[in-house]
Amino acid sequence: MLKHRGFPGRLPGTDFQFTIRRANPKGVTPLTRRERFRDRKSVDRKADEMFLLALWEHFGEEPFERGNLDAGRLSWLFGREVIPAEDPFDPASYDALLMLDMKAIQAGFPGLVEEG
């Protein structure tokens, strides 16, 4: 499992985790698309925004390996702002390649990141 050095481990002041320390010995947690409902708490939305901003600052528009990025946090964005970068895609692999969908980011989080 690739460890993304320099990537924030969590949202400061919260228990919202962005990375994991070690591979799961029972198997990789698969990425699944989680529904985001309008009544989510503002801190949950803030965690999504900060995680997405960290992905943008760390990887930009280039494909990136899932590695030690937290499956739960990725799943809140998966299928919308974070999409598979390979076909076939294995959602239960630490080696899976992902990328950011800039149009979805602008639609869901307007003004969060600037292309270019």
C-alpha atoms as a PDB file:
ATOM      1  CA  MET A   1       0.000   0.000   0.000  1.00  0.00           C
ATOM      2  CA  LEU A   2       1.376   3.353  -1.083  1.00  0.00           C
ATOM      3  CA  LYS A   3       1.541   5.947   1.696  1.00  0.00           C
ATOM      4  CA  HIS A   4       0.924   9.473   0.421  1.00  0.00           C
ATOM      5  CA  ARG A   5       3.575  11.458   2.259  1.00  0.00           C
ATOM      6  CA  GLY A   6       2.553  14.991   3.149  1.00  0.00           C
ATOM      7  CA  PHE A   7      -1.174  14.283   2.827  1.00  0.00           C
ATOM      8  CA  PRO A   8      -3.140  15.445   5.916  1.00  0.00           C
ATOM      9  CA  GLY A   9      -4.138  12.580   8.199  1.00  0.00           C
ATOM     10  CA  ARG A  10      -7.408  14.100   9.382  1.00  0.00           C
ATOM     11  CA  LEU A  11      -9.516  17.237   9.543  1.00  0.00           C
ATOM     12  CA  PRO A  12      -7.917  19.308  12.335  1.00  0.00           C
ATOM     13  CA  GLY A  13      -9.951  19.407  15.541  1.00  0.00           C
ATOM     14  CA  THR A  14     -12.174  16.473  14.545  1.00  0.00           C
ATOM     15  CA  ASP A  15     -12.137  12.696  14.288  1.00  0.00           C
ATOM     16  CA  PHE A  16     -12.675  12.823  10.507  1.00  0.00           C
ATOM     17  CA  GLN A  17      -9.878  10.637   9.159  1.00  0.00           C
ATOM     18  CA  PHE A  18      -8.318  11.239   5.709  1.00  0.00           C
ATOM     19  CA  THR A  19      -5.676   8.474   5.689  1.00  0.00           C
ATOM     20  CA  ILE A  20      -5.122   5.075   7.269  1.00  0.00           C
ATOM     21  CA  ARG A  21      -1.914   3.982   8.969  1.00  0.00           C
ATOM     22  CA  ARG A  22      -1.711   0.408   7.738  1.00  0.00           C
ATOM     23  CA  ALA A  23      -3.388  -1.998   5.350  1.00  0.00           C
ATOM     24  CA  ASN A  24      -6.400  -3.882   6.680  1.00  0.00           C
ATOM     25  CA  PRO A  25      -5.280  -7.474   7.393  1.00  0.00           C
ATOM     26  CA  LYS A  26      -8.856  -8.732   6.783  1.00  0.00           C
ATOM     27  CA  GLY A  27      -8.959  -7.252   3.268  1.00  0.00           C
ATOM     28  CA  VAL A  28      -9.297  -3.934   1.522  1.00  0.00           C
ATOM     29  CA  THR A  29     -12.444  -1.918   2.225  1.00  0.00           C
ATOM     30  CA  PRO A  30     -14.073  -1.389  -1.194  1.00  0.00           C
ATOM     31  CA  LEU A  31     -14.991   2.086  -2.399  1.00  0.00           C
ATOM     32  CA  THR A  32     -18.739   2.587  -2.735  1.00  0.00           C
ATOM     33  CA  ARG A  33     -20.767   5.635  -3.662  1.00  0.00           C
ATOM     34  CA  ARG A  34     -22.421   7.054  -0.540  1.00  0.00           C
ATOM     35  CA  GLU A  35     -25.467   9.290  -0.884  1.00  0.00           C
ATOM     36  CA  ARG A  36     -25.034  12.809   0.445  1.00  0.00           C
ATOM     37  CA  PHE A  37     -28.334  14.144   1.720  1.00  0.00           C
ATOM     38  CA  ARG A  38     -29.173  17.828   2.117  1.00  0.00           C
ATOM     39  CA  ASP A  39     -29.584  17.514   5.871  1.00  0.00           C
ATOM     40  CA  ARG A  40     -25.953  16.489   6.486  1.00  0.00           C
ATOM     41  CA  LYS A  41     -24.244  18.362   9.289  1.00  0.00           C
ATOM     42  CA  SER A  42     -22.095  21.316   8.300  1.00  0.00           C
ATOM     43  CA  VAL A  43     -19.010  19.645   9.818  1.00  0.00           C
ATOM     44  CA  ASP A  44     -19.563  16.633   7.517  1.00  0.00           C
ATOM     45  CA  ARG A  45     -19.681  18.921   4.491  1.00  0.00           C
ATOM     46  CA  LYS A  46     -16.582  20.755   5.760  1.00  0.00           C
ATOM     47  CA  ALA A  47     -14.745  17.409   6.011  1.00  0.00           C
ATOM     48  CA  ASP A  48     -15.691  16.649   2.395  1.00  0.00           C
ATOM     49  CA  GLU A  49     -14.502  20.093   1.271  1.00  0.00           C
ATOM     50  CA  MET A  50     -11.176  19.881   3.094  1.00  0.00           C
ATOM     51  CA  PHE A  51     -10.507  16.325   1.902  1.00  0.00           C
ATOM     52  CA  LEU A  52     -11.313  17.331  -1.675  1.00  0.00           C
ATOM     53  CA  LEU A  53      -9.076  20.397  -1.375  1.00  0.00           C
ATOM     54  CA  ALA A  54      -6.240  18.204  -0.044  1.00  0.00           C
ATOM     55  CA  LEU A  55      -6.711  15.822  -3.002  1.00  0.00           C
ATOM     56  CA  TRP A  56      -6.560  18.779  -5.406  1.00  0.00           C
ATOM     57  CA  GLU A  57      -3.449  20.271  -3.778  1.00  0.00           C
ATOM     58  CA  HIS A  58      -1.694  16.904  -3.620  1.00  0.00           C
ATOM     59  CA  PHE A  59      -2.617  15.431  -7.033  1.00  0.00           C
ATOM     60  CA  GLY A  60      -4.251  18.095  -9.205  1.00  0.00           C
ATOM     61  CA  GLU A  61      -5.845  16.713 -12.350  1.00  0.00           C
ATOM     62  CA  GLU A  62      -3.425  13.759 -12.578  1.00  0.00           C
ATOM     63  CA  PRO A  63      -4.536  10.185 -11.818  1.00  0.00           C
ATOM     64  CA  PHE A  64      -3.485   8.998  -8.366  1.00  0.00           C
ATOM     65  CA  GLU A  65      -3.226   5.689  -6.546  1.00  0.00           C
ATOM     66  CA  ARG A  66      -5.731   5.061  -3.757  1.00  0.00           C
ATOM     67  CA  GLY A  67      -2.974   3.901  -1.403  1.00  0.00           C
ATOM     68  CA  ASN A  68      -3.556   4.874   2.220  1.00  0.00           C
ATOM     69  CA  LEU A  69      -6.451   7.261   1.537  1.00  0.00           C
ATOM     70  CA  ASP A  70      -9.406   6.441   3.796  1.00  0.00           C
ATOM     71  CA  ALA A  71     -12.109   4.410   2.014  1.00  0.00           C
ATOM     72  CA  GLY A  72     -14.906   5.943   4.064  1.00  0.00           C
ATOM     73  CA  ARG A  73     -13.902   9.518   3.251  1.00  0.00           C
ATOM     74  CA  LEU A  74     -13.292   8.655  -0.421  1.00  0.00           C
ATOM     75  CA  SER A  75     -16.698   6.982  -0.638  1.00  0.00           C
ATOM     76  CA  TRP A  76     -18.476  10.276   0.165  1.00  0.00           C
ATOM     77  CA  LEU A  77     -16.931  11.696  -3.040  1.00  0.00           C
ATOM     78  CA  PHE A  78     -16.644   8.514  -5.142  1.00  0.00           C
ATOM     79  CA  GLY A  79     -18.681   8.428  -8.335  1.00  0.00           C
ATOM     80  CA  ARG A  80     -19.034  12.206  -8.372  1.00  0.00           C
ATOM     81  CA  GLU A  81     -15.941  14.315  -7.616  1.00  0.00           C
ATOM     82  CA  VAL A  82     -13.581  11.314  -7.450  1.00  0.00           C
ATOM     83  CA  ILE A  83     -13.884   8.863 -10.336  1.00  0.00           C
ATOM     84  CA  PRO A  84     -12.043   5.741 -11.536  1.00  0.00           C
ATOM     85  CA  ALA A  85      -9.051   6.494 -13.766  1.00  0.00           C
ATOM     86  CA  GLU A  86      -8.764   2.993 -15.194  1.00  0.00           C
ATOM     87  CA  ASP A  87     -10.945   0.375 -16.801  1.00  0.00           C
ATOM     88  CA  PRO A  88     -11.472  -2.192 -15.424  1.00  0.00           C
ATOM     89  CA  PHE A  89     -11.560  -0.587 -11.980  1.00  0.00           C
ATOM     90  CA  ASP A  90     -11.149  -2.626  -8.798  1.00  0.00           C
ATOM     91  CA  PRO A  91     -12.866  -0.777  -5.914  1.00  0.00           C
ATOM     92  CA  ALA A  92     -11.219  -3.150  -3.426  1.00  0.00           C
ATOM     93  CA  SER A  93      -7.588  -2.461  -4.326  1.00  0.00           C
ATOM     94  CA  TYR A  94      -5.062  -0.148  -2.693  1.00  0.00           C
ATOM     95  CA  ASP A  95      -3.427   0.081  -6.161  1.00  0.00           C
ATOM     96  CA  ALA A  96      -6.595   1.360  -7.893  1.00  0.00           C
ATOM     97  CA  LEU A  97      -6.146   4.577  -9.868  1.00  0.00           C
ATOM     98  CA  LEU A  98      -8.518   7.483  -9.245  1.00  0.00           C
ATOM     99  CA  MET A  99      -8.800  11.023 -10.552  1.00  0.00           C
ATOM    100  CA  LEU A 100     -10.733  14.198  -9.841  1.00  0.00           C
ATOM    101  CA  ASP A 101     -13.698  15.179 -12.017  1.00  0.00           C
ATOM    102  CA  MET A 102     -13.341  18.954 -12.283  1.00  0.00           C
ATOM    103  CA  LYS A 103     -16.848  19.539 -13.650  1.00  0.00           C
ATOM    104  CA  ALA A 104     -18.395  17.647 -10.725  1.00  0.00           C
ATOM    105  CA  ILE A 105     -16.204  19.554  -8.253  1.00  0.00           C
ATOM    106  CA  GLN A 106     -17.318  22.907  -9.693  1.00  0.00           C
ATOM    107  CA  ALA A 107     -20.962  21.785  -9.537  1.00  0.00           C
ATOM    108  CA  GLY A 108     -20.857  20.326  -6.025  1.00  0.00           C
ATOM    109  CA  PHE A 109     -18.303  22.627  -4.419  1.00  0.00           C
ATOM    110  CA  PRO A 110     -18.322  25.878  -6.429  1.00  0.00           C
ATOM    111  CA  GLY A 111     -15.201  27.995  -6.025  1.00  0.00           C
ATOM    112  CA  LEU A 112     -13.327  25.373  -3.979  1.00  0.00           C
ATOM    113  CA  VAL A 113     -10.609  24.764  -6.580  1.00  0.00           C
ATOM    114  CA  GLU A 114      -9.472  26.689  -9.615  1.00  0.00           C
ATOM    115  CA  GLU A 115      -8.500  24.814 -12.771  1.00  0.00           C
ATOM    116  CA  GLY A 116      -5.360  25.736 -14.548  1.00  0.00           C
END
